[in-house]
PDB file of N, CA and C in Angstrom:
ATOM      1  N   MET A   1      41.688  36.778  43.070  1.00  0.00           N
ATOM      2  CA  MET A   1      41.076  35.641  43.396  1.00  0.00           C
ATOM      3  C   MET A   1      40.504  35.458  44.184  1.00  0.00           C
ATOM      4  N   ILE A   2      41.118  35.053  45.306  1.00  0.00           N
ATOM      5  CA  ILE A   2      40.287  35.593  46.584  1.00  0.00           C
ATOM      6  C   ILE A   2      38.742  36.294  47.015  1.00  0.00           C
ATOM      7  N   SER A   3      39.186  37.218  46.303  1.00  0.00           N
ATOM      8  CA  SER A   3      37.862  38.374  46.348  1.00  0.00           C
ATOM      9  C   SER A   3      36.659  37.590  45.566  1.00  0.00           C
ATOM     10  N   THR A   4      36.911  37.437  44.235  1.00  0.00           N
ATOM     11  CA  THR A   4      36.253  36.771  43.641  1.00  0.00           C
ATOM     12  C   THR A   4      35.930  35.532  44.275  1.00  0.00           C
ATOM     13  N   LEU A   5      36.278  34.513  45.000  1.00  0.00           N
ATOM     14  CA  LEU A   5      35.542  33.724  45.383  1.00  0.00           C
ATOM     15  C   LEU A   5      34.339  33.787  46.521  1.00  0.00           C
ATOM     16  N   ILE A   6      35.147  35.010  47.192  1.00  0.00           N
ATOM     17  CA  ILE A   6      34.066  35.548  48.468  1.00  0.00           C
ATOM     18  C   ILE A   6      32.834  35.997  47.719  1.00  0.00           C
ATOM     19  N   TRP A   7      33.228  37.086  46.550  1.00  0.00           N
ATOM     20  CA  TRP A   7      31.974  37.125  46.386  1.00  0.00           C
ATOM     21  C   TRP A   7      31.161  36.500  45.246  1.00  0.00           C
ATOM     22  N   GLY A   8      31.411  35.228  45.030  1.00  0.00           N
ATOM     23  CA  GLY A   8      31.068  34.229  44.346  1.00  0.00           C
ATOM     24  C   GLY A   8      29.760  33.581  45.552  1.00  0.00           C
ATOM     25  N   VAL A   9      30.777  32.890  46.752  1.00  0.00           N
ATOM     26  CA  VAL A   9      29.981  32.847  47.854  1.00  0.00           C
ATOM     27  C   VAL A   9      28.780  33.874  48.135  1.00  0.00           C
ATOM     28  N   GLY A  10      28.947  35.089  48.428  1.00  0.00           N
ATOM     29  CA  GLY A  10      28.235  35.588  48.581  1.00  0.00           C
ATOM     30  C   GLY A  10      26.887  35.674  47.706  1.00  0.00           C
ATOM     31  N   LEU A  11      27.516  35.653  46.416  1.00  0.00           N
ATOM     32  CA  LEU A  11      26.207  35.291  45.488  1.00  0.00           C
ATOM     33  C   LEU A  11      25.287  34.407  45.655  1.00  0.00           C
ATOM     34  N   VAL A  12      25.952  33.503  45.869  1.00  0.00           N
ATOM     35  CA  VAL A  12      25.090  32.076  46.504  1.00  0.00           C
ATOM     36  C   VAL A  12      24.237  32.312  47.942  1.00  0.00           C
ATOM     37  N   LEU A  13      25.114  32.763  48.521  1.00  0.00           N
ATOM     38  CA  LEU A  13      24.020  32.884  50.084  1.00  0.00           C
ATOM     39  C   LEU A  13      22.616  33.708  49.921  1.00  0.00           C
ATOM     40  N   VAL A  14      23.348  35.102  48.611  1.00  0.00           N
ATOM     41  CA  VAL A  14      21.955  35.482  48.426  1.00  0.00           C
ATOM     42  C   VAL A  14      20.756  34.782  47.587  1.00  0.00           C
ATOM     43  N   ILE A  15      20.960  34.327  46.471  1.00  0.00           N
ATOM     44  CA  ILE A  15      19.930  33.266  45.550  1.00  0.00           C
ATOM     45  C   ILE A  15      19.581  32.460  46.699  1.00  0.00           C
ATOM     46  N   GLU A  16      20.343  31.582  47.486  1.00  0.00           N
ATOM     47  CA  GLU A  16      19.384  30.471  48.702  1.00  0.00           C
ATOM     48  C   GLU A  16      18.780  31.382  49.023  1.00  0.00           C
ATOM     49  N   GLY A  17      19.230  32.567  50.127  1.00  0.00           N
ATOM     50  CA  GLY A  17      18.279  32.953  50.765  1.00  0.00           C
ATOM     51  C   GLY A  17      16.855  33.563  50.741  1.00  0.00           C
ATOM     52  N   LEU A  18      17.278  33.972  49.154  1.00  0.00           N
ATOM     53  CA  LEU A  18      15.878  34.469  48.245  1.00  0.00           C
ATOM     54  C   LEU A  18      14.904  33.296  47.740  1.00  0.00           C
ATOM     55  N   VAL A  19      15.353  32.257  47.677  1.00  0.00           N
ATOM     56  CA  VAL A  19      14.726  31.067  47.300  1.00  0.00           C
ATOM     57  C   VAL A  19      13.895  30.771  48.800  1.00  0.00           C
ATOM     58  N   TYR A  20      14.452  30.918  50.177  1.00  0.00           N
ATOM     59  CA  TYR A  20      14.258  30.136  51.128  1.00  0.00           C
ATOM     60  C   TYR A  20      13.076  31.269  51.741  1.00  0.00           C
ATOM     61  N   ALA A  21      12.872  32.574  51.398  1.00  0.00           N
ATOM     62  CA  ALA A  21      11.980  34.173  51.763  1.00  0.00           C
ATOM     63  C   ALA A  21      11.153  33.808  51.012  1.00  0.00           C
ATOM     64  N   LEU A  22      10.803  33.588  49.633  1.00  0.00           N
ATOM     65  CA  LEU A  22       9.578  33.199  48.615  1.00  0.00           C
ATOM     66  C   LEU A  22       9.187  32.267  48.430  1.00  0.00           C
ATOM     67  N   ALA A  23       9.879  30.587  48.760  1.00  0.00           N
ATOM     68  CA  ALA A  23       9.474  29.950  48.663  1.00  0.00           C
ATOM     69  C   ALA A  23       9.460  28.594  49.093  1.00  0.00           C
ATOM     70  N   PRO A  24       9.323  28.822  50.516  1.00  0.00           N
ATOM     71  CA  PRO A  24       9.740  28.141  51.740  1.00  0.00           C
ATOM     72  C   PRO A  24       8.595  26.634  51.699  1.00  0.00           C
ATOM     73  N   LEU A  25       7.762  26.538  51.011  1.00  0.00           N
ATOM     74  CA  LEU A  25       7.056  25.523  50.797  1.00  0.00           C
ATOM     75  C   LEU A  25       7.226  24.613  50.006  1.00  0.00           C
ATOM     76  N   PHE A  26       8.295  25.030  48.657  1.00  0.00           N
ATOM     77  CA  PHE A  26       8.676  24.583  47.504  1.00  0.00           C
ATOM     78  C   PHE A  26       9.534  23.688  47.938  1.00  0.00           C
ATOM     79  N   VAL A  27      10.615  24.889  48.585  1.00  0.00           N
ATOM     80  CA  VAL A  27      11.552  23.941  49.351  1.00  0.00           C
ATOM     81  C   VAL A  27      11.823  22.556  50.413  1.00  0.00           C
ATOM     82  N   GLU A  28      10.590  22.847  51.074  1.00  0.00           N
ATOM     83  CA  GLU A  28      10.102  21.626  51.787  1.00  0.00           C
ATOM     84  C   GLU A  28       9.470  20.482  51.220  1.00  0.00           C
ATOM     85  N   ASN A  29       8.401  20.781  50.381  1.00  0.00           N
ATOM     86  CA  ASN A  29       8.701  19.724  49.093  1.00  0.00           C
ATOM     87  C   ASN A  29       9.630  19.060  48.480  1.00  0.00           C
ATOM     88  N   MET A  30      10.547  19.694  47.652  1.00  0.00           N
ATOM     89  CA  MET A  30      11.545  19.351  47.248  1.00  0.00           C
ATOM     90  C   MET A  30      12.702  18.451  48.382  1.00  0.00           C
ATOM     91  N   LEU A  31      13.021  18.783  49.374  1.00  0.00           N
ATOM     92  CA  LEU A  31      14.084  18.031  50.276  1.00  0.00           C
ATOM     93  C   LEU A  31      13.149  16.772  50.441  1.00  0.00           C
ATOM     94  N   ARG A  32      11.770  17.088  50.834  1.00  0.00           N
ATOM     95  CA  ARG A  32      10.848  15.470  51.004  1.00  0.00           C
ATOM     96  C   ARG A  32      11.368  14.450  49.493  1.00  0.00           C
ATOM     97  N   GLN A  33      10.977  15.117  48.530  1.00  0.00           N
ATOM     98  CA  GLN A  33      11.046  14.687  47.533  1.00  0.00           C
ATOM     99  C   GLN A  33      12.543  13.939  47.274  1.00  0.00           C
ATOM    100  N   MET A  34      13.921  14.757  47.338  1.00  0.00           N
ATOM    101  CA  MET A  34      15.179  14.243  48.000  1.00  0.00           C
ATOM    102  C   MET A  34      15.406  13.376  48.284  1.00  0.00           C
ATOM    103  N   SER A  35      14.970  13.244  49.586  1.00  0.00           N
ATOM    104  CA  SER A  35      15.003  11.810  50.614  1.00  0.00           C
ATOM    105  C   SER A  35      14.587  10.825  49.976  1.00  0.00           C
ATOM    106  N   GLU A  36      13.844  10.583  49.275  1.00  0.00           N
ATOM    107  CA  GLU A  36      13.517   8.975  48.769  1.00  0.00           C
ATOM    108  C   GLU A  36      14.632   8.875  47.673  1.00  0.00           C
ATOM    109  N   ILE A  37      15.454  10.022  46.727  1.00  0.00           N
ATOM    110  CA  ILE A  37      16.311   9.285  45.895  1.00  0.00           C
ATOM    111  C   ILE A  37      17.803   9.168  46.683  1.00  0.00           C
ATOM    112  N   PRO A  38      17.958   7.409  45.775  1.00  0.00           N
ATOM    113  CA  PRO A  38      18.929   7.296  46.875  1.00  0.00           C
ATOM    114  C   PRO A  38      20.418   7.925  46.913  1.00  0.00           C
ATOM    115  N   VAL A  39      21.157   7.464  47.926  1.00  0.00           N
ATOM    116  CA  VAL A  39      22.606   8.160  48.327  1.00  0.00           C
ATOM    117  C   VAL A  39      22.992   8.202  46.994  1.00  0.00           C
ATOM    118  N   LYS A  40      23.630   7.414  46.459  1.00  0.00           N
ATOM    119  CA  LYS A  40      24.173   7.556  45.014  1.00  0.00           C
ATOM    120  C   LYS A  40      23.584   7.969  44.229  1.00  0.00           C
ATOM    121  N   SER A  41      22.718   8.149  44.054  1.00  0.00           N
ATOM    122  CA  SER A  41      22.088   9.281  42.895  1.00  0.00           C
ATOM    123  C   SER A  41      22.480  10.670  43.012  1.00  0.00           C
ATOM    124  N   ARG A  42      22.146  11.069  44.520  1.00  0.00           N
ATOM    125  CA  ARG A  42      22.523  12.238  44.304  1.00  0.00           C
ATOM    126  C   ARG A  42      23.878  12.859  44.901  1.00  0.00           C
ATOM    127  N   ARG A  43      24.792  11.833  45.060  1.00  0.00           N
ATOM    128  CA  ARG A  43      26.315  12.157  45.140  1.00  0.00           C
ATOM    129  C   ARG A  43      26.510  12.274  43.595  1.00  0.00           C
ATOM    130  N   ILE A  44      26.315  11.468  42.596  1.00  0.00           N
ATOM    131  CA  ILE A  44      26.341  11.994  40.885  1.00  0.00           C
ATOM    132  C   ILE A  44      26.215  13.163  40.826  1.00  0.00           C
ATOM    133  N   PHE A  45      24.707  13.400  41.230  1.00  0.00           N
ATOM    134  CA  PHE A  45      24.219  14.481  40.956  1.00  0.00           C
ATOM    135  C   PHE A  45      25.172  15.796  41.217  1.00  0.00           C
ATOM    136  N   GLY A  46      25.440  15.894  42.358  1.00  0.00           N
ATOM    137  CA  GLY A  46      26.255  16.393  43.240  1.00  0.00           C
ATOM    138  C   GLY A  46      27.766  16.940  42.462  1.00  0.00           C
ATOM    139  N   VAL A  47      28.375  16.095  42.068  1.00  0.00           N
ATOM    140  CA  VAL A  47      29.557  15.785  41.720  1.00  0.00           C
ATOM    141  C   VAL A  47      29.635  16.765  40.069  1.00  0.00           C
ATOM    142  N   SER A  48      28.493  15.563  39.831  1.00  0.00           N
ATOM    143  CA  SER A  48      28.052  16.325  38.213  1.00  0.00           C
ATOM    144  C   SER A  48      27.989  17.433  37.963  1.00  0.00           C
ATOM    145  N   SER A  49      26.962  18.704  39.158  1.00  0.00           N
ATOM    146  CA  SER A  49      26.359  19.677  39.060  1.00  0.00           C
ATOM    147  C   SER A  49      28.337  20.860  39.450  1.00  0.00           C
ATOM    148  N   ALA A  50      29.102  20.316  40.518  1.00  0.00           N
ATOM    149  CA  ALA A  50      30.167  20.331  41.081  1.00  0.00           C
ATOM    150  C   ALA A  50      30.731  20.788  39.358  1.00  0.00           C
ATOM    151  N   LEU A  51      31.003  20.072  38.858  1.00  0.00           N
ATOM    152  CA  LEU A  51      31.803  19.464  37.259  1.00  0.00           C
ATOM    153  C   LEU A  51      31.339  20.791  36.808  1.00  0.00           C
ATOM    154  N   LEU A  52      30.187  20.784  36.137  1.00  0.00           N
ATOM    155  CA  LEU A  52      29.313  21.562  35.252  1.00  0.00           C
ATOM    156  C   LEU A  52      29.702  22.703  35.918  1.00  0.00           C
ATOM    157  N   GLY A  53      29.980  23.245  37.013  1.00  0.00           N
ATOM    158  CA  GLY A  53      30.081  24.316  37.347  1.00  0.00           C
ATOM    159  C   GLY A  53      31.408  25.326  37.530  1.00  0.00           C
ATOM    160  N   ALA A  54      32.234  23.851  37.366  1.00  0.00           N
ATOM    161  CA  ALA A  54      33.690  24.335  37.311  1.00  0.00           C
ATOM    162  C   ALA A  54      33.837  24.828  35.527  1.00  0.00           C
ATOM    163  N   VAL A  55      33.397  23.802  35.124  1.00  0.00           N
ATOM    164  CA  VAL A  55      33.426  23.629  33.137  1.00  0.00           C
ATOM    165  C   VAL A  55      32.791  25.220  32.708  1.00  0.00           C
ATOM    166  N   ILE A  56      31.730  25.722  33.252  1.00  0.00           N
ATOM    167  CA  ILE A  56      31.185  26.871  33.508  1.00  0.00           C
ATOM    168  C   ILE A  56      32.318  28.211  33.620  1.00  0.00           C
ATOM    169  N   LEU A  57      32.706  28.283  34.738  1.00  0.00           N
ATOM    170  CA  LEU A  57      33.734  29.343  35.404  1.00  0.00           C
ATOM    171  C   LEU A  57      34.824  29.596  34.754  1.00  0.00           C
ATOM    172  N   HIS A  58      35.783  28.384  33.894  1.00  0.00           N
ATOM    173  CA  HIS A  58      36.686  27.805  33.383  1.00  0.00           C
ATOM    174  C   HIS A  58      36.353  28.661  31.910  1.00  0.00           C
ATOM    175  N   MET A  59      34.800  28.306  31.442  1.00  0.00           N
ATOM    176  CA  MET A  59      34.723  29.273  30.366  1.00  0.00           C
ATOM    177  C   MET A  59      34.550  30.535  30.126  1.00  0.00           C
ATOM    178  N   VAL A  60      33.709  31.404  31.510  1.00  0.00           N
ATOM    179  CA  VAL A  60      33.481  32.529  31.846  1.00  0.00           C
ATOM    180  C   VAL A  60      35.187  33.135  32.117  1.00  0.00           C
ATOM    181  N   GLU A  61      35.821  32.361  32.437  1.00  0.00           N
ATOM    182  CA  GLU A  61      36.949  33.056  32.580  1.00  0.00           C
ATOM    183  C   GLU A  61      38.024  33.552  31.450  1.00  0.00           C
ATOM    184  N   ARG A  62      37.708  32.508  31.010  1.00  0.00           N
ATOM    185  CA  ARG A  62      39.043  31.963  29.210  1.00  0.00           C
ATOM    186  C   ARG A  62      38.596  33.273  28.324  1.00  0.00           C
ATOM    187  N   PHE A  63      37.053  33.304  28.708  1.00  0.00           N
ATOM    188  CA  PHE A  63      36.430  34.131  27.132  1.00  0.00           C
ATOM    189  C   PHE A  63      35.661  35.189  27.206  1.00  0.00           C
ATOM    190  N   PHE A  64      35.893  35.778  28.191  1.00  0.00           N
ATOM    191  CA  PHE A  64      35.131  36.488  29.112  1.00  0.00           C
ATOM    192  C   PHE A  64      36.048  38.206  29.471  1.00  0.00           C
TER     193      PHE A  64
END
């Protein structure tokens, strides 16, 4: 279980690192645009994303 969690964190870091390495201007523009979105909306998006991710992980664990 813990090895799967560490593997997942490592995969997230690899993907994020590639985004920053390959498209740094895109990241800067996206951050600028996100700063214009109200905090409450960003929180709702964050919680929704986390729940969707948890559902996807549960489905993968259950069916694969």
